[in-house]
Amino acid sequence: MLERVPLLEKDLAEYAEIVGTDTIDRLHALAEPVRGRRVLHVNATAYGGGVAELLATHVPLLRSLGVEADWQVIHGSDEFFAITKSVHNALQGAEVPWTAEMQRVYLEKALDNALLLEGSWDVVVVHDPQPAALRTFVGEGPAPDGDTRWVWRCHIDLTDADPHVWEFFRPHVERYDASVWTMPAFVPASLAMERVVIAPPCIDPLSVKNLELPAPFVREICKQYGLDPARPIVCQVSRYDPWKDPIGVIEAYRIARAEVPEAQLLLAGSMATDDPEGFQVWEQVTEARGGDRDIHLLSNIQQVGNVQINAFQRAAAVVVQKSLREGFGLTVSEALWKGRPVIGGRAGGIVLQVRDGENGYLVDDVEACAARMVELLRAPDRADEMGARGREHVRANFLCTRELEDWLRLLGELLSG
């Protein structure tokens, strides 16, 4: 069988203080038609990426509402994950080889995983390209009423997808009963599917990564990892991925430091099991750092986990997410929720979160990023005001209860039809 991910329990009632009792009551009403139904989420990794973070909250909240929800991950070889990383890059617009041999390896592994899928499910939700062909090989599959509903959730930006790679995946995706996307612009015009849902991801305000932390604790965490809490910190939290442009962040920081010499830069992220490219990017970023003691590179290899990321984001004077392509960028909402302004690349879901000039800035190049760093570092009161507006923007639009509502509506539609 596929690997089942163990999860902590969550109680929806605990979110009432943050989102209000009306929201909690509405979620219970929406859950009524789907209580007792079996919902399975399938993706490629249990940790190290935004999808894993989303599911670690979403599945327990479904359970809290009486849905029999589960989360399982597919099996894959190094070769398979190297291929799916190429697919990910191609679908975001990179030029990569897409050979018959790569397609064969991908489909064979998809078939292997389809044969491992067990149980009777009312709805199976498959995340991103890695397991996308499961639907093709499973067929209709068993369900209590003999008809499992299938949903494909695409978390990446397909606005400039390689047409050959997308055309390979499109017939597999069109076998699903519905697809869910972060933004309308991500949906390829060639997709022939009746039910297409737009539902941006959200953060969990009660997760370890987002819980309130005492200021002395935050400062101590920074000291433990070599940062000086008395000096301003510029921070980017993301996987070590070329699309996140960590080298561009270093270049922008060096320009800004010429005017704000006391500033420090922290790049912190994690290595995901389905991203073999991460270690190569780590080496490239290390080379770009060039031994600069004011540029700090950290990852889960240095025991950086959710508590540390929480502290770093809270300690930052400015948070950066200078992505060149981005599905959503959960770290943007995480930082805004902590009251920090964000300088974001004008890409993907970042434009949904950063309101240019209100809670941060959108930038298109290294020079603009550096100029905004300088502006915010020199005006900490303005940075705090922007961060406060950002927190309310996230409260209204990007907390996990809103995403849960989107999914309950979709599940209700699929299971009533």
Protein backbone atom coordinates (compact mmCIF):
# COMPACT_ATOMS: atom_id res chain seq x y z
CA MET A 1 0.00 0.00 0.00
CA LEU A 2 1.01 3.66 -0.24
CA GLU A 3 2.75 5.18 2.77
CA ARG A 4 0.25 6.63 5.26
CA VAL A 5 1.26 9.89 6.92
CA PRO A 6 0.64 10.03 10.70
CA LEU A 7 -1.01 13.25 11.82
CA LEU A 8 -1.71 15.15 15.02
CA GLU A 9 -5.30 15.90 15.94
CA LYS A 10 -6.74 19.39 15.47
CA ASP A 11 -9.94 20.86 16.89
CA LEU A 12 -11.72 23.36 14.67
CA ALA A 13 -13.24 25.07 17.72
CA GLU A 14 -9.79 26.35 18.69
CA TYR A 15 -9.80 28.65 15.64
CA ALA A 16 -12.92 30.54 16.75
CA GLU A 17 -10.95 33.20 18.59
CA ILE A 18 -9.09 34.04 15.39
CA VAL A 19 -11.78 33.73 12.69
CA GLY A 20 -15.00 34.15 14.70
CA THR A 21 -17.79 31.78 15.69
CA ASP A 22 -19.83 32.56 12.55
CA THR A 23 -17.07 31.05 10.42
CA ILE A 24 -16.92 27.94 12.60
CA ASP A 25 -20.71 27.52 12.45
CA ARG A 26 -20.67 27.90 8.66
CA LEU A 27 -18.00 25.19 8.34
CA HIS A 28 -20.03 22.77 10.44
CA ALA A 29 -23.07 23.39 8.24
CA LEU A 30 -21.06 22.83 5.06
CA ALA A 31 -19.61 19.60 6.51
CA GLU A 32 -23.00 18.09 7.27
CA PRO A 33 -23.52 16.49 3.81
CA VAL A 34 -20.02 14.95 3.79
CA ARG A 35 -19.73 13.64 7.34
CA GLY A 36 -18.72 10.00 7.36
CA ARG A 37 -17.52 10.10 3.76
CA ARG A 38 -14.00 8.85 2.99
CA VAL A 39 -11.54 11.33 1.45
CA LEU A 40 -7.94 10.51 0.53
CA HIS A 41 -5.21 13.03 -0.31
CA VAL A 42 -2.17 11.76 -2.25
CA ASN A 43 1.06 13.64 -2.92
CA ALA A 44 4.79 13.01 -3.30
CA THR A 45 6.30 13.90 0.08
CA ALA A 46 5.31 14.10 3.74
CA TYR A 47 7.60 17.03 4.54
CA GLY A 48 9.75 19.74 3.01
CA GLY A 49 7.26 21.66 0.89
CA GLY A 50 4.11 23.75 0.90
CA VAL A 51 1.80 20.89 -0.06
CA ALA A 52 2.91 18.84 2.93
CA GLU A 53 2.34 21.83 5.22
CA LEU A 54 -1.15 22.34 3.84
CA LEU A 55 -2.15 18.71 4.26
CA ALA A 56 -0.77 18.52 7.80
CA THR A 57 -3.51 21.00 8.75
CA HIS A 58 -6.24 20.32 6.22
CA VAL A 59 -6.64 16.57 6.80
CA PRO A 60 -6.92 16.84 10.62
CA LEU A 61 -9.48 19.66 10.25
CA LEU A 62 -11.55 17.49 7.92
CA ARG A 63 -11.43 14.78 10.57
CA SER A 64 -12.50 17.31 13.20
CA LEU A 65 -15.65 17.86 11.13
CA GLY A 66 -16.46 14.14 10.92
CA VAL A 67 -14.96 13.41 7.49
CA GLU A 68 -12.94 10.18 7.34
CA ALA A 69 -9.90 11.82 5.77
CA ASP A 70 -6.46 10.35 5.20
CA TRP A 71 -3.15 11.35 3.62
CA GLN A 72 -0.80 9.00 1.77
CA VAL A 73 2.38 9.56 -0.24
CA ILE A 74 3.57 7.77 -3.35
CA HIS A 75 6.76 5.74 -3.65
CA GLY A 76 9.45 6.90 -6.05
CA SER A 77 13.05 6.25 -7.05
CA ASP A 78 15.78 8.87 -7.43
CA GLU A 79 15.31 8.61 -11.18
CA PHE A 80 11.57 9.16 -10.90
CA PHE A 81 11.92 12.24 -8.70
CA ALA A 82 14.62 13.66 -10.97
CA ILE A 83 12.15 13.32 -13.85
CA THR A 84 9.26 14.87 -11.93
CA LYS A 85 11.50 17.77 -10.90
CA SER A 86 12.20 18.33 -14.61
CA VAL A 87 8.45 18.17 -15.20
CA HIS A 88 7.88 20.76 -12.48
CA ASN A 89 10.43 23.08 -14.07
CA ALA A 90 9.03 22.55 -17.56
CA LEU A 91 5.48 23.29 -16.45
CA GLN A 92 6.75 26.55 -14.94
CA GLY A 93 8.38 27.54 -18.23
CA ALA A 94 11.90 26.14 -18.22
CA GLU A 95 13.38 24.39 -21.23
CA VAL A 96 14.10 20.79 -20.26
CA PRO A 97 14.42 17.55 -22.23
CA TRP A 98 11.24 15.48 -22.35
CA THR A 99 12.15 12.14 -23.87
CA ALA A 100 10.26 8.95 -24.54
CA GLU A 101 12.42 7.25 -21.91
CA MET A 102 11.47 9.85 -19.29
CA GLN A 103 7.81 9.35 -20.13
CA ARG A 104 8.17 5.58 -19.84
CA VAL A 105 9.83 5.78 -16.41
CA TYR A 106 7.18 8.21 -15.19
CA LEU A 107 4.27 6.06 -16.35
CA GLU A 108 5.76 2.84 -15.01
CA LYS A 109 6.16 4.36 -11.56
CA ALA A 110 2.65 5.81 -11.73
CA LEU A 111 1.35 2.33 -12.51
CA ASP A 112 3.35 0.86 -9.61
CA ASN A 113 1.77 3.36 -7.24
CA ALA A 114 -1.70 2.83 -8.65
CA LEU A 115 -1.40 -0.86 -7.84
CA LEU A 116 -0.54 0.08 -4.24
CA LEU A 117 -3.63 2.24 -3.77
CA GLU A 118 -5.96 0.40 -1.42
CA GLY A 119 -9.30 1.01 0.25
CA SER A 120 -12.68 2.37 -0.72
CA TRP A 121 -12.70 6.13 -1.09
CA ASP A 122 -15.51 8.51 -1.91
CA VAL A 123 -13.05 11.17 -3.12
CA VAL A 124 -9.36 10.93 -4.00
CA VAL A 125 -7.46 14.23 -4.24
CA VAL A 126 -4.15 13.98 -6.12
CA HIS A 127 -1.65 16.81 -5.76
CA ASP A 128 0.63 18.07 -8.54
CA PRO A 129 2.29 16.24 -11.47
CA GLN A 130 4.18 13.51 -9.58
CA PRO A 131 1.11 11.29 -8.99
CA ALA A 132 -1.12 12.81 -11.70
CA ALA A 133 -1.36 9.61 -13.79
CA LEU A 134 -2.76 7.60 -10.86
CA ARG A 135 -6.28 8.28 -12.10
CA THR A 136 -5.46 6.77 -15.48
CA PHE A 137 -4.23 3.49 -14.05
CA VAL A 138 -6.68 3.09 -11.18
CA GLY A 139 -9.70 3.48 -13.41
CA GLU A 140 -13.00 3.98 -11.66
CA GLY A 141 -11.88 2.25 -8.48
CA PRO A 142 -14.03 0.96 -5.63
CA ALA A 143 -16.19 3.27 -3.55
CA PRO A 144 -19.17 2.62 -1.27
CA ASP A 145 -21.49 3.61 -4.11
CA GLY A 146 -19.21 2.22 -6.81
CA ASP A 147 -18.05 5.60 -8.10
CA THR A 148 -15.00 7.30 -6.61
CA ARG A 149 -14.70 11.00 -7.46
CA TRP A 150 -11.23 12.23 -8.40
CA VAL A 151 -9.78 15.73 -8.01
CA TRP A 152 -6.43 17.01 -9.28
CA ARG A 153 -4.96 19.89 -7.28
CA CYS A 154 -2.29 21.82 -9.20
CA HIS A 155 -0.13 23.99 -6.94
CA ILE A 156 2.26 25.30 -9.59
CA ASP A 157 2.15 28.12 -12.13
CA LEU A 158 1.32 26.83 -15.64
CA THR A 159 1.02 30.22 -17.34
CA ASP A 160 4.11 29.54 -19.45
CA ALA A 161 4.15 25.73 -19.44
CA ASP A 162 6.21 23.80 -21.96
CA PRO A 163 3.51 22.72 -24.46
CA HIS A 164 4.97 19.26 -25.06
CA VAL A 165 5.12 18.41 -21.37
CA TRP A 166 1.66 19.84 -20.69
CA GLU A 167 0.17 17.93 -23.62
CA PHE A 168 1.59 14.73 -22.14
CA PHE A 169 -0.15 15.43 -18.81
CA ARG A 170 -3.37 16.98 -20.12
CA PRO A 171 -5.14 13.69 -21.05
CA HIS A 172 -4.34 12.32 -17.59
CA VAL A 173 -5.68 15.45 -15.89
CA GLU A 174 -8.84 15.45 -17.99
CA ARG A 175 -9.77 12.03 -16.57
CA TYR A 176 -10.42 13.72 -13.22
CA ASP A 177 -13.87 14.90 -12.16
CA ALA A 178 -12.53 18.29 -11.09
CA SER A 179 -9.33 20.30 -10.88
CA VAL A 180 -8.36 22.94 -8.33
CA TRP A 181 -5.98 25.83 -9.05
CA THR A 182 -4.47 28.77 -7.19
CA MET A 183 -5.31 31.42 -9.80
CA PRO A 184 -7.37 31.56 -13.03
CA ALA A 185 -4.23 32.52 -14.96
CA PHE A 186 -2.66 29.17 -14.10
CA VAL A 187 -5.32 27.14 -15.94
CA PRO A 188 -4.20 26.23 -19.49
CA ALA A 189 -6.66 27.26 -22.19
CA SER A 190 -6.44 23.77 -23.70
CA LEU A 191 -7.80 22.05 -20.56
CA ALA A 192 -11.18 20.51 -21.35
CA MET A 193 -12.80 20.01 -17.97
CA GLU A 194 -16.26 20.96 -16.77
CA ARG A 195 -15.45 21.58 -13.11
CA VAL A 196 -12.47 23.92 -12.58
CA VAL A 197 -12.20 25.48 -9.11
CA ILE A 198 -10.04 28.42 -8.01
CA ALA A 199 -9.00 28.07 -4.35
CA PRO A 200 -5.71 29.64 -3.20
CA PRO A 201 -3.82 27.88 -0.41
CA CYS A 202 -3.78 29.20 3.15
CA ILE A 203 -1.72 29.08 6.32
CA ASP A 204 -2.57 27.58 9.70
CA PRO A 205 -2.37 30.32 12.38
CA LEU A 206 -2.19 27.66 15.11
CA SER A 207 0.61 25.62 13.60
CA VAL A 208 4.01 25.57 15.28
CA LYS A 209 5.33 27.73 12.45
CA ASN A 210 2.79 30.49 13.09
CA LEU A 211 2.08 30.44 16.84
CA GLU A 212 2.96 33.56 18.82
CA LEU A 213 6.47 33.45 20.31
CA PRO A 214 7.86 35.58 23.17
CA ALA A 215 10.39 38.17 22.00
CA PRO A 216 13.19 36.89 24.30
CA PHE A 217 12.76 33.41 22.86
CA VAL A 218 12.95 34.79 19.30
CA ARG A 219 16.17 36.63 20.11
CA GLU A 220 17.70 33.54 21.70
CA ILE A 221 16.92 31.41 18.64
CA CYS A 222 18.61 33.98 16.42
CA LYS A 223 21.71 33.97 18.62
CA GLN A 224 21.87 30.18 18.54
CA TYR A 225 22.12 30.29 14.74
CA GLY A 226 24.73 33.04 14.57
CA LEU A 227 22.44 36.01 13.89
CA ASP A 228 22.76 39.26 15.80
CA PRO A 229 19.24 40.23 16.98
CA ALA A 230 20.43 43.79 17.61
CA ARG A 231 21.05 44.30 13.88
CA PRO A 232 18.34 44.34 11.18
CA ILE A 233 17.71 41.01 9.47
CA VAL A 234 16.55 40.53 5.89
CA CYS A 235 15.11 37.04 5.56
CA GLN A 236 13.91 34.76 2.76
CA VAL A 237 12.37 31.41 3.72
CA SER A 238 11.96 28.95 0.86
CA ARG A 239 13.23 25.74 -0.64
CA TYR A 240 16.64 25.93 -2.28
CA ASP A 241 15.20 26.15 -5.76
CA PRO A 242 16.33 28.31 -8.71
CA TRP A 243 12.75 29.60 -9.15
CA LYS A 244 13.03 31.18 -5.67
CA ASP A 245 16.08 33.13 -6.94
CA PRO A 246 18.21 32.90 -3.79
CA ILE A 247 21.26 34.16 -5.69
CA GLY A 248 19.25 37.18 -6.83
CA VAL A 249 18.37 37.83 -3.18
CA ILE A 250 22.08 37.78 -2.29
CA GLU A 251 22.82 40.24 -5.09
CA ALA A 252 20.02 42.57 -3.93
CA TYR A 253 21.22 42.36 -0.33
CA ARG A 254 24.77 43.31 -1.28
CA ILE A 255 23.51 46.39 -3.11
CA ALA A 256 21.34 47.34 -0.12
CA ARG A 257 24.14 46.73 2.39
CA ALA A 258 26.20 49.44 0.74
CA GLU A 259 23.62 51.89 2.13
CA VAL A 260 22.58 49.96 5.26
CA PRO A 261 25.87 48.31 6.32
CA GLU A 262 24.49 46.89 9.58
CA ALA A 263 21.97 44.63 7.78
CA GLN A 264 22.28 40.84 7.80
CA LEU A 265 20.81 38.35 5.32
CA LEU A 266 19.30 34.98 6.21
CA LEU A 267 18.28 32.40 3.62
CA ALA A 268 16.49 29.53 5.35
CA GLY A 269 14.68 26.56 3.86
CA SER A 270 14.29 22.83 3.76
CA MET A 271 15.31 19.98 1.53
CA ALA A 272 12.33 17.98 0.26
CA THR A 273 12.48 14.25 -0.55
CA ASP A 274 10.96 14.84 -3.99
CA ASP A 275 13.43 17.61 -4.95
CA PRO A 276 16.87 16.22 -5.83
CA GLU A 277 17.87 19.60 -7.27
CA GLY A 278 17.89 21.19 -3.81
CA PHE A 279 21.43 20.14 -2.89
CA GLN A 280 22.80 21.45 -6.19
CA VAL A 281 21.17 24.83 -5.57
CA TRP A 282 22.52 24.82 -2.00
CA GLU A 283 26.04 24.46 -3.40
CA GLN A 284 25.47 27.26 -5.91
CA VAL A 285 24.13 29.57 -3.19
CA THR A 286 27.06 28.68 -0.92
CA GLU A 287 29.43 29.68 -3.70
CA ALA A 288 27.54 32.93 -4.26
CA ARG A 289 27.78 33.67 -0.53
CA GLY A 290 31.56 33.54 -0.85
CA GLY A 291 32.21 33.16 2.86
CA ASP A 292 30.43 36.42 3.72
CA ARG A 293 29.83 36.25 7.48
CA ASP A 294 26.75 38.47 7.24
CA ILE A 295 25.01 36.06 4.85
CA HIS A 296 23.57 33.09 6.72
CA LEU A 297 22.45 29.90 4.94
CA LEU A 298 20.35 27.47 6.99
CA SER A 299 18.19 24.43 6.31
CA ASN A 300 16.76 21.39 8.05
CA ILE A 301 20.26 19.91 7.74
CA GLN A 302 21.24 22.38 10.50
CA GLN A 303 18.19 21.30 12.54
CA VAL A 304 16.13 24.26 11.38
CA GLY A 305 12.48 23.35 11.82
CA ASN A 306 9.16 25.14 12.15
CA VAL A 307 9.95 26.77 15.50
CA GLN A 308 13.15 28.27 14.13
CA ILE A 309 11.46 29.48 10.93
CA ASN A 310 8.74 31.09 13.05
CA ALA A 311 11.39 32.91 15.07
CA PHE A 312 13.37 34.03 12.02
CA GLN A 313 10.29 35.49 10.34
CA ARG A 314 9.34 37.36 13.52
CA ALA A 315 12.87 38.67 13.98
CA ALA A 316 13.16 39.94 10.41
CA ALA A 317 13.00 43.65 9.69
CA VAL A 318 12.06 42.74 6.12
CA VAL A 319 10.97 39.43 4.60
CA VAL A 320 11.74 38.73 0.94
CA GLN A 321 10.23 36.20 -1.45
CA LYS A 322 11.91 37.09 -4.73
CA SER A 323 10.46 34.23 -6.75
CA LEU A 324 10.70 34.19 -10.53
CA ARG A 325 7.85 31.68 -10.74
CA GLU A 326 5.59 30.80 -7.82
CA GLY A 327 2.55 28.66 -7.30
CA PHE A 328 1.44 30.55 -4.21
CA GLY A 329 4.27 31.11 -1.74
CA LEU A 330 2.94 30.25 1.71
CA THR A 331 5.92 31.97 3.31
CA VAL A 332 4.51 35.32 2.17
CA SER A 333 1.31 34.89 4.18
CA GLU A 334 3.33 33.44 7.07
CA ALA A 335 5.44 36.61 7.25
CA LEU A 336 2.49 38.95 6.81
CA TRP A 337 0.61 37.12 9.57
CA LYS A 338 3.57 37.86 11.85
CA GLY A 339 3.28 41.56 11.02
CA ARG A 340 6.28 41.80 8.73
CA PRO A 341 6.28 43.59 5.36
CA VAL A 342 7.18 41.44 2.36
CA ILE A 343 9.14 42.27 -0.78
CA GLY A 344 7.92 39.75 -3.32
CA GLY A 345 8.67 38.90 -6.90
CA ARG A 346 5.80 39.81 -9.21
CA ALA A 347 5.00 36.14 -9.81
CA GLY A 348 2.13 33.72 -9.34
CA GLY A 349 0.24 33.76 -6.06
CA ILE A 350 2.56 36.35 -4.51
CA VAL A 351 0.49 39.04 -6.27
CA LEU A 352 -2.60 37.82 -4.40
CA GLN A 353 -0.88 38.30 -1.06
CA VAL A 354 1.30 41.40 -1.43
CA ARG A 355 -0.65 44.58 -2.08
CA ASP A 356 2.02 46.76 -3.62
CA GLY A 357 2.74 49.74 -1.39
CA GLU A 358 0.26 48.67 1.30
CA ASN A 359 1.65 45.58 3.04
CA GLY A 360 4.87 45.24 1.05
CA TYR A 361 6.22 45.69 -2.44
CA LEU A 362 6.22 43.76 -5.70
CA VAL A 363 9.49 43.85 -7.63
CA ASP A 364 10.70 42.69 -11.03
CA ASP A 365 14.47 42.70 -10.70
CA VAL A 366 17.44 42.73 -8.34
CA GLU A 367 17.83 46.51 -8.36
CA ALA A 368 14.20 47.15 -7.42
CA CYS A 369 14.43 44.55 -4.68
CA ALA A 370 17.52 46.24 -3.24
CA ALA A 371 15.89 49.69 -3.34
CA ARG A 372 12.84 48.42 -1.43
CA MET A 373 15.10 46.72 1.13
CA VAL A 374 16.84 50.02 1.79
CA GLU A 375 13.53 51.89 2.00
CA LEU A 376 12.06 49.53 4.61
CA LEU A 377 15.26 49.11 6.61
CA ARG A 378 15.53 52.89 6.94
CA ALA A 379 11.88 53.30 7.98
CA PRO A 380 11.08 50.64 10.62
CA ASP A 381 7.89 52.40 11.74
CA ARG A 382 6.53 52.32 8.19
CA ALA A 383 7.57 48.67 7.92
CA ASP A 384 5.59 47.89 11.05
CA GLU A 385 2.52 49.70 9.69
CA MET A 386 2.70 47.75 6.44
CA GLY A 387 3.11 44.52 8.36
CA ALA A 388 0.03 45.24 10.47
CA ARG A 389 -2.03 45.75 7.31
CA GLY A 390 -0.60 42.51 5.95
CA ARG A 391 -1.77 40.56 9.01
CA GLU A 392 -5.36 41.70 8.49
CA HIS A 393 -5.17 40.90 4.77
CA VAL A 394 -4.16 37.35 5.65
CA ARG A 395 -6.86 37.08 8.33
CA ALA A 396 -9.50 37.98 5.75
CA ASN A 397 -8.22 35.85 2.88
CA PHE A 398 -5.52 33.29 3.61
CA LEU A 399 -6.23 31.37 6.80
CA CYS A 400 -6.86 27.63 6.67
CA THR A 401 -10.54 27.95 7.60
CA ARG A 402 -11.18 29.73 4.29
CA GLU A 403 -9.46 26.95 2.35
CA LEU A 404 -11.40 24.36 4.35
CA GLU A 405 -14.63 26.09 3.33
CA ASP A 406 -13.63 25.96 -0.36
CA TRP A 407 -12.96 22.23 -0.13
CA LEU A 408 -16.14 21.43 1.78
CA ARG A 409 -18.16 23.15 -0.93
CA LEU A 410 -16.40 21.15 -3.64
CA LEU A 411 -16.75 17.85 -1.78
CA GLY A 412 -20.42 18.52 -1.25
CA GLU A 413 -20.94 19.21 -4.96
CA LEU A 414 -19.04 16.11 -6.04
CA LEU A 415 -20.80 13.78 -3.63
CA SER A 416 -24.28 15.13 -4.29
CA GLY A 417 -24.05 14.75 -8.06
